[in-house]
Amino acid sequence: MSRSFSRRRLCGLAASITIIISASIALLANPASATTIVVSSGADSGAGTLRAALASANAGDVITFDPSVSVVELTTGRLDITTSVTITGSGTDSLTVRRSSAGGTPTFGIFYIDNAAAVVSISDMTITNGNATGGGVNVHSATRVNLTRVAVTNNTAGWGAGLWLDFADLYIDQSTFTGNAAGADAPCGYCNGGAMILNTGNAYISNSTISGNTARDNGGGIKSTTHLFLTNTSLVGNVAMDGFGGAIAQYVYQSQHSLSMTNTLIAGNTFASRGQCDVASAVPLLVNLNNLIEDNSCNYVRLTPDGSTTAPTAFLSGNPNAAALASNGGPTQTNAILSSSIAAGAGDPATCAASPISGLDQRGFARPSACSIGAFEPAASAPTSSSTTIPGAGSGSSESGASGSDPVVPVFAG
């Protein structure tokens, strides 16, 4: 029997292999076994719980919640996420995942993500009362983590009270971090990152609000040692009690460290020294475009570590008169500004028009072409009935500011 193959046979074999490989790739991208798992119980564990759903989930599965579940009460420990999964809640005002406040509840955070190959998406919920590092969300490793329309509130830890990031790309959009405290109760030494510590990876934060968080030491809002990109984000009223950077402390770690800011508002943050925005001299501040930083800190662009600096583009300083955090419509709370604010209409329009902002503010309201700095757009128009529904908007869509008029709310002391 001949062991030789004709050209036709070889071509046919190659075509067959190509088809098999293509089919395999398609199956990996869209697993046939991917299912939707519905959480029907708010208990800590057992049938129908979020813990059980995560334990049984396969890569690509989607976890949703029965309307009867408004609170997931954790009493025994954190929720481990070890595969690619999408967790979709019913809205920040209608679903809360929290550590129990009952006496005897052990110390733990809420979500712990650990799989270098995983892509994890969490949306439309409030995450609260964790009391370990990364109290709300601790990303130990992943390919990508998406947090969309989430409220990470009132978590405590020595480090990174709201969130901890390591070895992953993180995307935060239309979300609010507030009331998180790193070492606020007593001096602990290097208690950094009230809202979050961004340790390694890349962090992209857009159309979001970081407000009213506290760190005993550095970074009342954010302590970062990685590549941080801020777009149309508001950092208001955060506190670095004994340290540097009331809003942001950006320092050096290994070879990953840079800061890029566009249309970002930083105001009303307090600190012991070195400003609301504190960036170490070895950290490149790569982009500083149409930002408002109240105390004029970070007023430069430095393209290389320890290199020369240049002036930022359309940089503003002064008090934007940002209001206290409130429900101003949309899925998450915001710090409103008035149409008379120096931040109003001062944003870079190309950035507002492009993804991920895509012409909307944090609430999902349309921005005008002369868009504003920060997450809140005072000139925004509310979505019409034909617009895409904003999950979790609830009655907030009819509150002050929802129609695009100036809300009547107390001004935050800046």
Protein backbone atom coordinates (compact mmCIF):
# COMPACT_ATOMS: atom_id res chain seq x y z
CA MET A 1 0.00 0.00 0.00
CA SER A 2 1.37 3.40 -0.94
CA ARG A 3 2.25 5.75 1.89
CA SER A 4 2.25 8.80 -0.35
CA PHE A 5 -0.54 11.40 -0.40
CA SER A 6 -1.74 13.24 -3.47
CA ARG A 7 -1.88 17.06 -3.49
CA ARG A 8 -5.66 16.84 -3.67
CA ARG A 9 -5.82 14.59 -0.64
CA LEU A 10 -3.44 16.82 1.33
CA CYS A 11 -5.49 19.91 0.44
CA GLY A 12 -8.64 18.12 1.52
CA LEU A 13 -7.05 17.07 4.79
CA ALA A 14 -5.84 20.63 5.44
CA ALA A 15 -9.32 22.00 4.75
CA SER A 16 -10.83 19.47 7.16
CA ILE A 17 -8.34 20.41 9.88
CA THR A 18 -9.09 24.10 9.31
CA ILE A 19 -12.81 23.46 9.73
CA ILE A 20 -12.21 21.49 12.92
CA ILE A 21 -9.97 24.18 14.39
CA SER A 22 -12.44 26.95 13.46
CA ALA A 23 -15.28 25.03 15.04
CA SER A 24 -13.22 24.48 18.20
CA ILE A 25 -12.44 28.19 18.49
CA ALA A 26 -16.11 29.02 18.05
CA LEU A 27 -17.01 26.58 20.82
CA LEU A 28 -14.44 28.13 23.14
CA ALA A 29 -15.76 31.62 22.44
CA ASN A 30 -19.39 30.51 22.83
CA PRO A 31 -19.43 27.43 25.03
CA ALA A 32 -22.37 25.21 24.21
CA SER A 33 -22.72 24.53 27.93
CA ALA A 34 -23.05 28.24 28.87
CA THR A 35 -26.22 28.73 30.87
CA THR A 36 -28.03 31.35 32.93
CA ILE A 37 -28.17 30.56 36.64
CA VAL A 38 -30.85 32.35 38.65
CA VAL A 39 -30.20 33.10 42.32
CA SER A 40 -33.44 32.52 44.19
CA SER A 41 -32.24 32.78 47.80
CA GLY A 42 -30.49 35.55 49.68
CA ALA A 43 -29.03 33.16 52.23
CA ASP A 44 -25.30 32.66 52.74
CA SER A 45 -25.22 29.13 51.33
CA GLY A 46 -27.35 26.28 50.11
CA ALA A 47 -29.58 25.67 47.13
CA GLY A 48 -30.40 28.74 45.07
CA THR A 49 -27.81 31.00 46.70
CA LEU A 50 -25.16 33.14 45.03
CA ARG A 51 -22.45 31.02 46.65
CA ALA A 52 -23.93 27.87 45.13
CA ALA A 53 -24.29 29.56 41.74
CA LEU A 54 -20.62 30.55 41.71
CA ALA A 55 -19.54 27.08 42.77
CA SER A 56 -21.46 25.44 39.93
CA ALA A 57 -20.77 28.01 37.20
CA ASN A 58 -18.84 27.03 34.10
CA ALA A 59 -16.85 29.44 31.95
CA GLY A 60 -19.21 31.82 30.16
CA ASP A 61 -22.20 31.31 32.45
CA VAL A 62 -24.41 34.22 33.47
CA ILE A 63 -25.75 34.63 37.00
CA THR A 64 -28.91 36.70 37.54
CA PHE A 65 -31.24 37.23 40.50
CA ASP A 66 -34.90 36.49 41.05
CA PRO A 67 -36.81 39.73 41.77
CA SER A 68 -37.61 38.39 45.25
CA VAL A 69 -33.91 38.58 46.20
CA SER A 70 -33.04 42.08 47.38
CA VAL A 71 -30.25 41.22 49.84
CA VAL A 72 -27.60 38.52 49.80
CA GLU A 73 -26.50 38.19 53.43
CA LEU A 74 -23.08 36.59 53.87
CA THR A 75 -22.35 35.10 57.28
CA THR A 76 -19.53 32.59 56.81
CA GLY A 77 -17.01 33.99 54.34
CA ARG A 78 -16.19 35.64 51.03
CA LEU A 79 -17.54 34.65 47.63
CA ASP A 80 -14.82 33.06 45.48
CA ILE A 81 -14.91 33.56 41.71
CA THR A 82 -12.63 31.12 39.90
CA THR A 83 -13.99 31.09 36.34
CA SER A 84 -15.18 33.49 33.65
CA VAL A 85 -18.65 34.56 34.69
CA THR A 86 -21.07 37.47 34.36
CA ILE A 87 -22.99 38.45 37.50
CA THR A 88 -25.89 40.78 36.70
CA GLY A 89 -27.93 42.29 39.51
CA SER A 90 -31.21 44.17 39.42
CA GLY A 91 -29.78 47.60 40.33
CA THR A 92 -27.87 49.30 43.13
CA ASP A 93 -31.13 50.32 44.80
CA SER A 94 -32.71 46.87 44.58
CA LEU A 95 -29.88 44.36 45.17
CA THR A 96 -27.27 44.44 47.94
CA VAL A 97 -24.56 41.85 48.50
CA ARG A 98 -23.18 42.33 51.99
CA ARG A 99 -21.30 40.81 54.89
CA SER A 100 -23.62 40.40 57.85
CA SER A 101 -23.33 42.87 60.71
CA ALA A 102 -24.46 40.31 63.25
CA GLY A 103 -22.20 39.66 66.21
CA GLY A 104 -19.75 36.81 65.70
CA THR A 105 -19.56 37.22 61.92
CA PRO A 106 -15.95 36.51 60.88
CA THR A 107 -13.73 38.97 59.02
CA PHE A 108 -13.90 38.74 55.22
CA GLY A 109 -14.36 40.70 52.02
CA ILE A 110 -17.24 40.19 49.59
CA PHE A 111 -15.89 39.05 46.18
CA TYR A 112 -12.49 37.38 45.67
CA ILE A 113 -11.41 36.77 42.05
CA ASP A 114 -8.55 34.39 41.39
CA ASN A 115 -8.03 32.87 37.94
CA ALA A 116 -5.46 34.41 35.60
CA ALA A 117 -7.49 33.32 32.55
CA ALA A 118 -10.87 34.56 33.78
CA VAL A 119 -12.96 37.42 32.42
CA VAL A 120 -15.38 38.50 35.16
CA SER A 121 -18.18 41.06 34.89
CA ILE A 122 -20.17 42.35 37.86
CA SER A 123 -22.95 44.89 37.40
CA ASP A 124 -26.02 46.53 38.90
CA MET A 125 -25.66 45.94 42.63
CA THR A 126 -24.43 47.43 45.89
CA ILE A 127 -21.44 45.70 47.50
CA THR A 128 -20.98 46.56 51.15
CA ASN A 129 -19.68 45.84 54.66
CA GLY A 130 -16.64 43.76 53.75
CA ASN A 131 -13.88 44.15 56.33
CA ALA A 132 -10.74 42.61 54.81
CA THR A 133 -8.26 43.82 52.18
CA GLY A 134 -10.25 44.61 49.05
CA GLY A 135 -13.37 44.65 51.20
CA GLY A 136 -15.77 44.94 48.29
CA VAL A 137 -13.85 43.34 45.42
CA ASN A 138 -10.42 41.71 45.73
CA VAL A 139 -8.88 40.89 42.34
CA HIS A 140 -6.00 38.53 43.04
CA SER A 141 -5.61 37.56 39.37
CA ALA A 142 -7.70 37.65 36.19
CA THR A 143 -7.49 38.55 32.54
CA ARG A 144 -10.12 41.28 32.84
CA VAL A 145 -12.61 42.45 35.44
CA ASN A 146 -15.54 44.73 34.53
CA LEU A 147 -17.46 46.65 37.21
CA THR A 148 -20.44 48.47 35.73
CA ARG A 149 -23.15 50.41 37.56
CA VAL A 150 -22.03 49.14 40.94
CA ALA A 151 -21.94 50.93 44.30
CA VAL A 152 -19.05 49.83 46.50
CA THR A 153 -19.87 51.30 49.90
CA ASN A 154 -18.88 51.23 53.56
CA ASN A 155 -16.20 48.56 53.42
CA THR A 156 -13.24 48.65 55.81
CA ALA A 157 -9.70 47.28 55.72
CA GLY A 158 -6.12 48.14 56.53
CA TRP A 159 -5.37 48.37 52.80
CA GLY A 160 -7.65 49.06 49.84
CA ALA A 161 -10.93 49.11 51.69
CA GLY A 162 -13.24 49.11 48.68
CA LEU A 163 -11.15 47.30 46.09
CA TRP A 164 -7.74 45.66 45.61
CA LEU A 165 -6.27 45.03 42.15
CA ASP A 166 -3.45 42.65 41.25
CA PHE A 167 -2.50 41.03 37.95
CA ALA A 168 -5.53 41.99 35.89
CA ASP A 169 -7.00 44.70 33.69
CA LEU A 170 -9.79 46.50 35.51
CA TYR A 171 -12.59 48.50 33.87
CA ILE A 172 -14.90 50.56 36.10
CA ASP A 173 -17.79 52.45 34.50
CA GLN A 174 -20.87 54.31 35.81
CA SER A 175 -20.00 53.28 39.35
CA THR A 176 -19.64 54.92 42.76
CA PHE A 177 -17.21 54.18 45.60
CA THR A 178 -18.16 55.86 48.86
CA GLY A 179 -17.81 55.42 52.63
CA ASN A 180 -14.91 52.99 52.35
CA ALA A 181 -12.20 53.39 55.01
CA ALA A 182 -8.62 52.07 55.16
CA GLY A 183 -7.33 52.12 58.72
CA ALA A 184 -9.53 55.01 59.73
CA ASP A 185 -10.19 53.78 63.28
CA ALA A 186 -6.58 53.83 64.52
CA PRO A 187 -3.06 54.45 63.19
CA CYS A 188 -1.74 51.32 61.51
CA GLY A 189 1.15 52.43 59.28
CA TYR A 190 0.71 52.62 55.52
CA CYS A 191 -3.05 52.22 55.61
CA ASN A 192 -3.54 53.35 52.02
CA GLY A 193 -6.31 53.51 49.45
CA GLY A 194 -9.62 54.35 51.06
CA ALA A 195 -11.65 53.48 47.96
CA MET A 196 -9.07 51.26 46.28
CA ILE A 197 -5.50 50.10 45.88
CA LEU A 198 -4.42 49.47 42.30
CA ASN A 199 -1.30 47.40 42.67
CA THR A 200 -0.48 45.70 39.35
CA GLY A 201 -2.24 45.57 35.99
CA ASN A 202 -4.05 48.36 34.17
CA ALA A 203 -6.99 50.29 35.61
CA TYR A 204 -9.49 52.22 33.47
CA ILE A 205 -12.08 54.30 35.36
CA SER A 206 -14.70 56.23 33.40
CA ASN A 207 -17.93 58.09 34.17
CA SER A 208 -17.59 57.18 37.84
CA THR A 209 -17.54 58.87 41.24
CA ILE A 210 -15.10 58.29 44.12
CA SER A 211 -16.42 60.31 47.03
CA GLY A 212 -16.27 60.32 50.82
CA ASN A 213 -13.65 57.61 51.28
CA THR A 214 -10.91 57.71 53.93
CA ALA A 215 -7.36 56.39 54.31
CA ARG A 216 -5.34 56.77 57.48
CA ASP A 217 -2.25 57.33 55.34
CA ASN A 218 -1.96 57.87 51.57
CA GLY A 219 -4.60 57.99 48.83
CA GLY A 220 -7.88 58.88 50.47
CA GLY A 221 -9.58 57.89 47.22
CA ILE A 222 -7.04 55.93 45.15
CA LYS A 223 -3.59 54.62 45.94
CA SER A 224 -2.05 53.36 42.67
CA THR A 225 1.27 51.85 41.68
CA THR A 226 0.20 50.74 38.23
CA HIS A 227 -1.08 52.25 34.96
CA LEU A 228 -4.16 54.31 35.85
CA PHE A 229 -6.44 55.94 33.26
CA LEU A 230 -9.18 58.31 34.49
CA THR A 231 -11.83 59.68 32.12
CA ASN A 232 -14.76 61.93 33.10
CA THR A 233 -14.44 60.78 36.69
CA SER A 234 -15.12 62.81 39.85
CA LEU A 235 -13.03 62.45 43.02
CA VAL A 236 -14.67 64.59 45.70
CA GLY A 237 -14.43 64.75 49.48
CA ASN A 238 -11.94 61.94 50.10
CA VAL A 239 -9.52 62.12 53.04
CA ALA A 240 -5.88 61.10 53.53
CA MET A 241 -5.83 61.61 57.30
CA ASP A 242 -2.10 61.48 58.07
CA GLY A 243 -0.61 61.19 54.61
CA PHE A 244 -0.43 62.34 51.01
CA GLY A 245 -2.90 62.63 48.17
CA GLY A 246 -6.40 63.31 49.40
CA ALA A 247 -7.84 62.03 46.12
CA ILE A 248 -4.96 60.20 44.41
CA ALA A 249 -1.56 58.96 45.52
CA GLN A 250 0.37 57.55 42.55
CA TYR A 251 3.69 55.89 43.33
CA VAL A 252 6.31 53.51 41.93
CA TYR A 253 6.15 49.73 42.00
CA GLN A 254 8.28 47.52 39.77
CA SER A 255 8.09 48.86 36.19
CA GLN A 256 4.35 49.55 36.07
CA HIS A 257 3.39 53.08 36.98
CA SER A 258 1.80 55.90 35.05
CA LEU A 259 -1.15 58.24 35.34
CA SER A 260 -3.37 59.55 32.54
CA MET A 261 -6.30 61.86 33.24
CA THR A 262 -8.84 63.42 30.89
CA ASN A 263 -11.95 65.44 31.86
CA THR A 264 -11.39 64.45 35.50
CA LEU A 265 -12.59 66.53 38.46
CA ILE A 266 -10.67 66.50 41.75
CA ALA A 267 -12.04 68.75 44.49
CA GLY A 268 -12.82 68.97 48.20
CA ASN A 269 -10.33 66.25 49.16
CA THR A 270 -8.27 66.73 52.32
CA PHE A 271 -4.79 65.53 53.25
CA ALA A 272 -1.93 65.99 55.70
CA SER A 273 0.49 67.15 52.98
CA ARG A 274 1.39 67.15 49.28
CA GLY A 275 -1.96 67.95 47.75
CA GLN A 276 -5.20 66.43 46.57
CA CYS A 277 -3.26 64.77 43.72
CA ASP A 278 0.19 63.44 44.66
CA VAL A 279 2.34 61.81 41.98
CA ALA A 280 5.87 60.60 42.75
CA SER A 281 8.68 62.16 40.70
CA ALA A 282 9.48 58.82 39.04
CA VAL A 283 5.92 58.33 37.76
CA PRO A 284 5.10 59.56 34.23
CA LEU A 285 1.96 61.71 34.20
CA LEU A 286 1.34 60.93 30.54
CA VAL A 287 -1.97 62.69 29.86
CA ASN A 288 -3.33 65.74 31.69
CA LEU A 289 -6.10 66.99 29.43
CA ASN A 290 -9.04 69.24 30.39
CA ASN A 291 -8.93 68.33 34.07
CA LEU A 292 -9.96 70.41 37.07
CA ILE A 293 -7.81 69.91 40.16
CA GLU A 294 -8.92 72.35 42.81
CA ASP A 295 -5.57 72.97 44.54
CA ASN A 296 -3.51 73.06 41.33
CA SER A 297 -1.59 69.90 42.27
CA CYS A 298 -0.42 67.61 39.43
CA ASN A 299 -0.33 70.69 37.21
CA TYR A 300 2.10 69.29 34.63
CA VAL A 301 2.72 66.55 32.08
CA ARG A 302 5.80 64.36 32.50
CA LEU A 303 6.35 61.84 29.72
CA THR A 304 9.30 59.99 31.24
CA PRO A 305 10.28 59.22 34.84
CA ASP A 306 12.31 62.06 36.34
CA GLY A 307 12.12 63.85 32.97
CA SER A 308 11.20 67.41 32.17
CA THR A 309 7.62 68.53 32.51
CA THR A 310 5.35 70.44 30.18
CA ALA A 311 2.15 72.35 30.77
CA PRO A 312 -1.13 70.41 30.71
CA THR A 313 -3.86 71.18 28.20
CA ALA A 314 -6.86 73.25 29.33
CA PHE A 315 -6.01 72.61 32.98
CA LEU A 316 -8.28 74.30 35.53
CA SER A 317 -7.98 74.92 39.25
CA GLY A 318 -10.34 76.45 41.78
CA ASN A 319 -13.55 75.38 43.48
CA PRO A 320 -16.09 73.76 41.12
CA ASN A 321 -18.72 73.88 43.90
CA ALA A 322 -19.41 70.16 43.71
CA ALA A 323 -22.43 69.14 45.76
CA ALA A 324 -22.54 66.45 48.39
CA LEU A 325 -23.02 62.92 47.08
CA ALA A 326 -26.69 62.31 46.32
CA SER A 327 -29.15 60.45 44.12
CA ASN A 328 -29.40 62.74 41.11
CA GLY A 329 -31.01 60.23 38.76
CA GLY A 330 -29.49 57.22 37.10
CA PRO A 331 -28.24 53.97 38.65
CA THR A 332 -25.57 55.35 41.02
CA GLN A 333 -25.06 58.43 43.19
CA THR A 334 -23.09 61.44 41.94
CA ASN A 335 -21.61 64.76 43.06
CA ALA A 336 -23.65 67.28 41.11
CA ILE A 337 -22.23 70.53 39.75
CA LEU A 338 -24.25 73.53 38.65
CA SER A 339 -24.33 74.89 35.13
CA SER A 340 -22.47 77.93 36.53
CA SER A 341 -19.56 75.77 37.77
CA ILE A 342 -16.11 76.39 36.27
CA ALA A 343 -16.14 72.69 35.32
CA ALA A 344 -19.33 73.01 33.27
CA GLY A 345 -18.73 72.92 29.54
CA ALA A 346 -14.95 72.74 30.08
CA GLY A 347 -14.38 69.11 29.09
CA ASP A 348 -12.63 67.86 25.98
CA PRO A 349 -15.51 67.23 23.53
CA ALA A 350 -13.70 64.55 21.54
CA THR A 351 -13.23 62.49 24.70
CA CYS A 352 -16.88 62.91 25.69
CA ALA A 353 -18.02 61.78 22.24
CA ALA A 354 -15.75 58.72 22.05
CA SER A 355 -16.00 55.39 23.86
CA PRO A 356 -16.24 54.69 26.77
CA ILE A 357 -18.08 57.98 27.49
CA SER A 358 -20.03 57.83 24.22
CA GLY A 359 -21.86 61.10 24.83
CA LEU A 360 -23.32 60.11 28.23
CA ASP A 361 -22.64 61.05 31.84
CA GLN A 362 -22.53 58.64 34.79
CA ARG A 363 -26.31 58.66 35.07
CA GLY A 364 -26.73 57.70 31.43
CA PHE A 365 -27.94 61.18 30.50
CA ALA A 366 -26.86 62.73 27.19
CA ARG A 367 -23.99 65.22 27.31
CA PRO A 368 -24.02 68.26 24.99
CA SER A 369 -21.16 68.84 22.58
CA ALA A 370 -19.69 71.36 25.06
CA CYS A 371 -19.44 68.70 27.74
CA SER A 372 -18.35 69.15 31.35
CA ILE A 373 -15.42 67.90 33.40
CA GLY A 374 -16.27 65.04 35.73
CA ALA A 375 -18.91 62.33 35.91
CA PHE A 376 -21.94 64.63 36.24
CA GLU A 377 -23.24 66.71 33.34
CA PRO A 378 -25.37 69.68 34.52
CA ALA A 379 -26.56 70.39 30.97
CA ALA A 380 -27.49 66.76 30.34
CA SER A 381 -30.86 65.74 29.02
CA ALA A 382 -32.64 62.79 30.59
CA PRO A 383 -33.16 59.63 28.53
CA THR A 384 -36.44 59.57 26.63
CA SER A 385 -38.86 56.67 26.67
CA SER A 386 -37.24 55.38 23.49
CA SER A 387 -33.78 55.37 25.09
CA THR A 388 -32.12 52.32 26.51
CA THR A 389 -33.37 51.54 30.01
CA ILE A 390 -30.88 52.27 32.77
CA PRO A 391 -30.84 49.29 35.15
CA GLY A 392 -31.44 50.28 38.73
CA ALA A 393 -32.59 53.80 37.92
CA GLY A 394 -35.81 53.28 39.86
CA SER A 395 -37.47 56.41 41.16
CA GLY A 396 -34.13 58.22 41.05
CA SER A 397 -34.77 59.16 37.42
CA SER A 398 -37.37 61.65 38.59
CA GLU A 399 -35.24 63.24 41.30
CA SER A 400 -33.61 66.65 41.13
CA GLY A 401 -31.30 66.91 38.19
CA ALA A 402 -32.93 64.20 36.11
CA SER A 403 -34.40 66.68 33.67
CA GLY A 404 -31.10 68.42 33.09
CA SER A 405 -31.91 71.36 35.37
CA ASP A 406 -29.62 72.30 38.23
CA PRO A 407 -30.36 70.18 41.33
CA VAL A 408 -31.00 71.92 44.62
CA VAL A 409 -28.48 70.20 46.88
CA PRO A 410 -25.98 71.36 49.52
CA VAL A 411 -22.62 72.43 48.14
CA PHE A 412 -19.65 70.31 49.21
CA ALA A 413 -17.09 72.39 51.08
CA GLY A 414 -14.13 72.54 48.72
